[in-house]
Structures are given as structure tokens and as C-alpha cells.
Amino acid sequence: MLDISRYLIIDKQADFTGIFNVTVQNDTLRIGNMLKILVYPLESKECMQKMELVHYLEARGIDYRSASVPKHYYQSYSKEFLEKY
């Protein structure tokens, strides 16, 4: 999935500014939210690919850091991990 996302967003310069999904609770999800739910080990290839997208988007005004961490992640992951990710 990250390979395709990278290709579309970086290589083909797809528009990433819109709403990507609407939850059952009618919350809207943008690209920052979608990336936030992807959890990989911090030193993995996937995490590095994800962070390449994050840096690209941040340089274009998308604030990944402001996207909220899903609440249930706090039950599965340490606070230290979530602060880095």
C-alpha cells in the first residue's frame, strides 16, 4: 500500500488535500489520519516509507503530527512508542 501511495502522491502528484474516508461516527479522515493508523516497527522499511510520505506532505502543509492517535492504540502500544510514531 505504501508503494502505491508514494507513487500516486509523490511521483504522480495526486491531490491529497481532500477527505479520504468518513467513519461510522461521521468523522472525516484526511491523509494525515490515514497515515496515523498505519503502525509499523520504528526501524522497519515500511515505517521509513511512511515517514517519507509524512515529510513530503508536511512540506506541503499537511500536519501529520496533529492527527490524533486512535484511542485503542494506547492499550496496545507503549506511550514512548506512540510519541515517536
C-alpha atoms as a PDB file:
ATOM      1  CA  MET A   1       0.000   0.000   0.000  1.00  0.00           C
ATOM      2  CA  LEU A   2       2.776   2.460   0.834  1.00  0.00           C
ATOM      3  CA  ASP A   3       4.434   1.868  -2.534  1.00  0.00           C
ATOM      4  CA  ILE A   4       1.204   2.764  -4.319  1.00  0.00           C
ATOM      5  CA  SER A   5       0.570   5.761  -2.069  1.00  0.00           C
ATOM      6  CA  ARG A   6       4.104   7.027  -2.650  1.00  0.00           C
ATOM      7  CA  TYR A   7       3.785   6.567  -6.398  1.00  0.00           C
ATOM      8  CA  LEU A   8       0.491   8.438  -6.577  1.00  0.00           C
ATOM      9  CA  ILE A   9       1.318  11.233  -4.141  1.00  0.00           C
ATOM     10  CA  ILE A  10       4.984  11.906  -4.850  1.00  0.00           C
ATOM     11  CA  ASP A  11       5.623  10.637  -8.370  1.00  0.00           C
ATOM     12  CA  LYS A  12       2.254  11.490  -9.931  1.00  0.00           C
ATOM     13  CA  GLN A  13       1.462  14.442  -7.625  1.00  0.00           C
ATOM     14  CA  ALA A  14      -2.074  13.271  -6.886  1.00  0.00           C
ATOM     15  CA  ASP A  15      -4.313  15.642  -4.936  1.00  0.00           C
ATOM     16  CA  PHE A  16      -4.115  14.625  -1.281  1.00  0.00           C
ATOM     17  CA  THR A  17      -5.930  17.583   0.261  1.00  0.00           C
ATOM     18  CA  GLY A  18      -9.460  16.181   0.320  1.00  0.00           C
ATOM     19  CA  ILE A  19     -11.353  13.865   2.617  1.00  0.00           C
ATOM     20  CA  PHE A  20     -10.357  10.240   2.183  1.00  0.00           C
ATOM     21  CA  ASN A  21     -12.912   8.484   4.337  1.00  0.00           C
ATOM     22  CA  VAL A  22     -15.889   9.045   6.609  1.00  0.00           C
ATOM     23  CA  THR A  23     -16.232   6.879   9.712  1.00  0.00           C
ATOM     24  CA  VAL A  24     -19.378   5.287  11.096  1.00  0.00           C
ATOM     25  CA  GLN A  25     -19.475   8.161  13.595  1.00  0.00           C
ATOM     26  CA  ASN A  26     -19.462  10.537  10.599  1.00  0.00           C
ATOM     27  CA  ASP A  27     -15.916  11.769  11.368  1.00  0.00           C
ATOM     28  CA  THR A  28     -13.884  12.735   8.336  1.00  0.00           C
ATOM     29  CA  LEU A  29     -10.426  11.296   7.753  1.00  0.00           C
ATOM     30  CA  ARG A  30      -7.761  13.053   5.757  1.00  0.00           C
ATOM     31  CA  ILE A  31      -4.399  11.741   4.590  1.00  0.00           C
ATOM     32  CA  GLY A  32      -2.719  12.542   7.936  1.00  0.00           C
ATOM     33  CA  ASN A  33      -5.321  10.455   9.769  1.00  0.00           C
ATOM     34  CA  MET A  34      -4.949   7.613   7.306  1.00  0.00           C
ATOM     35  CA  LEU A  35      -1.185   7.555   7.764  1.00  0.00           C
ATOM     36  CA  LYS A  36      -1.538   7.790  11.541  1.00  0.00           C
ATOM     37  CA  ILE A  37      -3.415   4.493  11.733  1.00  0.00           C
ATOM     38  CA  LEU A  38      -0.600   2.656   9.924  1.00  0.00           C
ATOM     39  CA  VAL A  39       1.655   1.268  12.644  1.00  0.00           C
ATOM     40  CA  TYR A  40       4.989  -0.345  11.821  1.00  0.00           C
ATOM     41  CA  PRO A  41       8.083  -1.125  13.890  1.00  0.00           C
ATOM     42  CA  LEU A  42      10.066   2.117  14.106  1.00  0.00           C
ATOM     43  CA  GLU A  43      13.137   0.847  12.247  1.00  0.00           C
ATOM     44  CA  SER A  44      11.248  -1.090   9.567  1.00  0.00           C
ATOM     45  CA  LYS A  45      11.260  -0.400   5.835  1.00  0.00           C
ATOM     46  CA  GLU A  46       7.532   0.307   5.998  1.00  0.00           C
ATOM     47  CA  CYS A  47       7.951   2.913   8.730  1.00  0.00           C
ATOM     48  CA  MET A  48      10.679   4.635   6.727  1.00  0.00           C
ATOM     49  CA  GLN A  49       8.429   4.678   3.640  1.00  0.00           C
ATOM     50  CA  LYS A  50       5.585   6.060   5.721  1.00  0.00           C
ATOM     51  CA  MET A  51       7.800   8.784   7.157  1.00  0.00           C
ATOM     52  CA  GLU A  52       8.996   9.717   3.654  1.00  0.00           C
ATOM     53  CA  LEU A  53       5.351  10.393   2.793  1.00  0.00           C
ATOM     54  CA  VAL A  54       4.851  12.255   6.080  1.00  0.00           C
ATOM     55  CA  HIS A  55       7.813  14.561   5.388  1.00  0.00           C
ATOM     56  CA  TYR A  56       6.668  15.164   1.808  1.00  0.00           C
ATOM     57  CA  LEU A  57       3.162  16.051   2.996  1.00  0.00           C
ATOM     58  CA  GLU A  58       4.406  18.227   5.859  1.00  0.00           C
ATOM     59  CA  ALA A  59       6.485  20.226   3.380  1.00  0.00           C
ATOM     60  CA  ARG A  60       3.215  20.885   1.558  1.00  0.00           C
ATOM     61  CA  GLY A  61       1.204  21.978   4.580  1.00  0.00           C
ATOM     62  CA  ILE A  62      -0.297  18.713   5.831  1.00  0.00           C
ATOM     63  CA  ASP A  63       0.221  18.446   9.598  1.00  0.00           C
ATOM     64  CA  TYR A  64       0.585  14.735  10.344  1.00  0.00           C
ATOM     65  CA  ARG A  65       1.518  15.420  13.977  1.00  0.00           C
ATOM     66  CA  SER A  66      -1.873  16.999  14.694  1.00  0.00           C
ATOM     67  CA  ALA A  67      -3.765  13.882  13.575  1.00  0.00           C
ATOM     68  CA  SER A  68      -4.980  12.091  16.661  1.00  0.00           C
ATOM     69  CA  VAL A  69      -3.717   8.676  17.653  1.00  0.00           C
ATOM     70  CA  PRO A  70      -6.591   6.181  17.743  1.00  0.00           C
ATOM     71  CA  LYS A  71      -7.593   5.716  21.382  1.00  0.00           C
ATOM     72  CA  HIS A  72      -7.383   1.940  21.280  1.00  0.00           C
ATOM     73  CA  TYR A  73      -3.678   2.178  20.332  1.00  0.00           C
ATOM     74  CA  TYR A  74      -2.941   3.263  23.908  1.00  0.00           C
ATOM     75  CA  GLN A  75      -3.977  -0.223  25.030  1.00  0.00           C
ATOM     76  CA  SER A  76      -1.686  -1.968  22.548  1.00  0.00           C
ATOM     77  CA  TYR A  77       1.417   0.237  22.356  1.00  0.00           C
ATOM     78  CA  SER A  78       3.619   1.979  24.880  1.00  0.00           C
ATOM     79  CA  LYS A  79       3.353   5.735  25.360  1.00  0.00           C
ATOM     80  CA  GLU A  80       7.021   6.078  24.331  1.00  0.00           C
ATOM     81  CA  PHE A  81       6.344   4.288  21.043  1.00  0.00           C
ATOM     82  CA  LEU A  82       3.283   6.414  20.313  1.00  0.00           C
ATOM     83  CA  GLU A  83       5.193   9.636  20.994  1.00  0.00           C
ATOM     84  CA  LYS A  84       7.798   8.664  18.384  1.00  0.00           C
ATOM     85  CA  TYR A  85       5.371   7.355  15.829  1.00  0.00           C
END
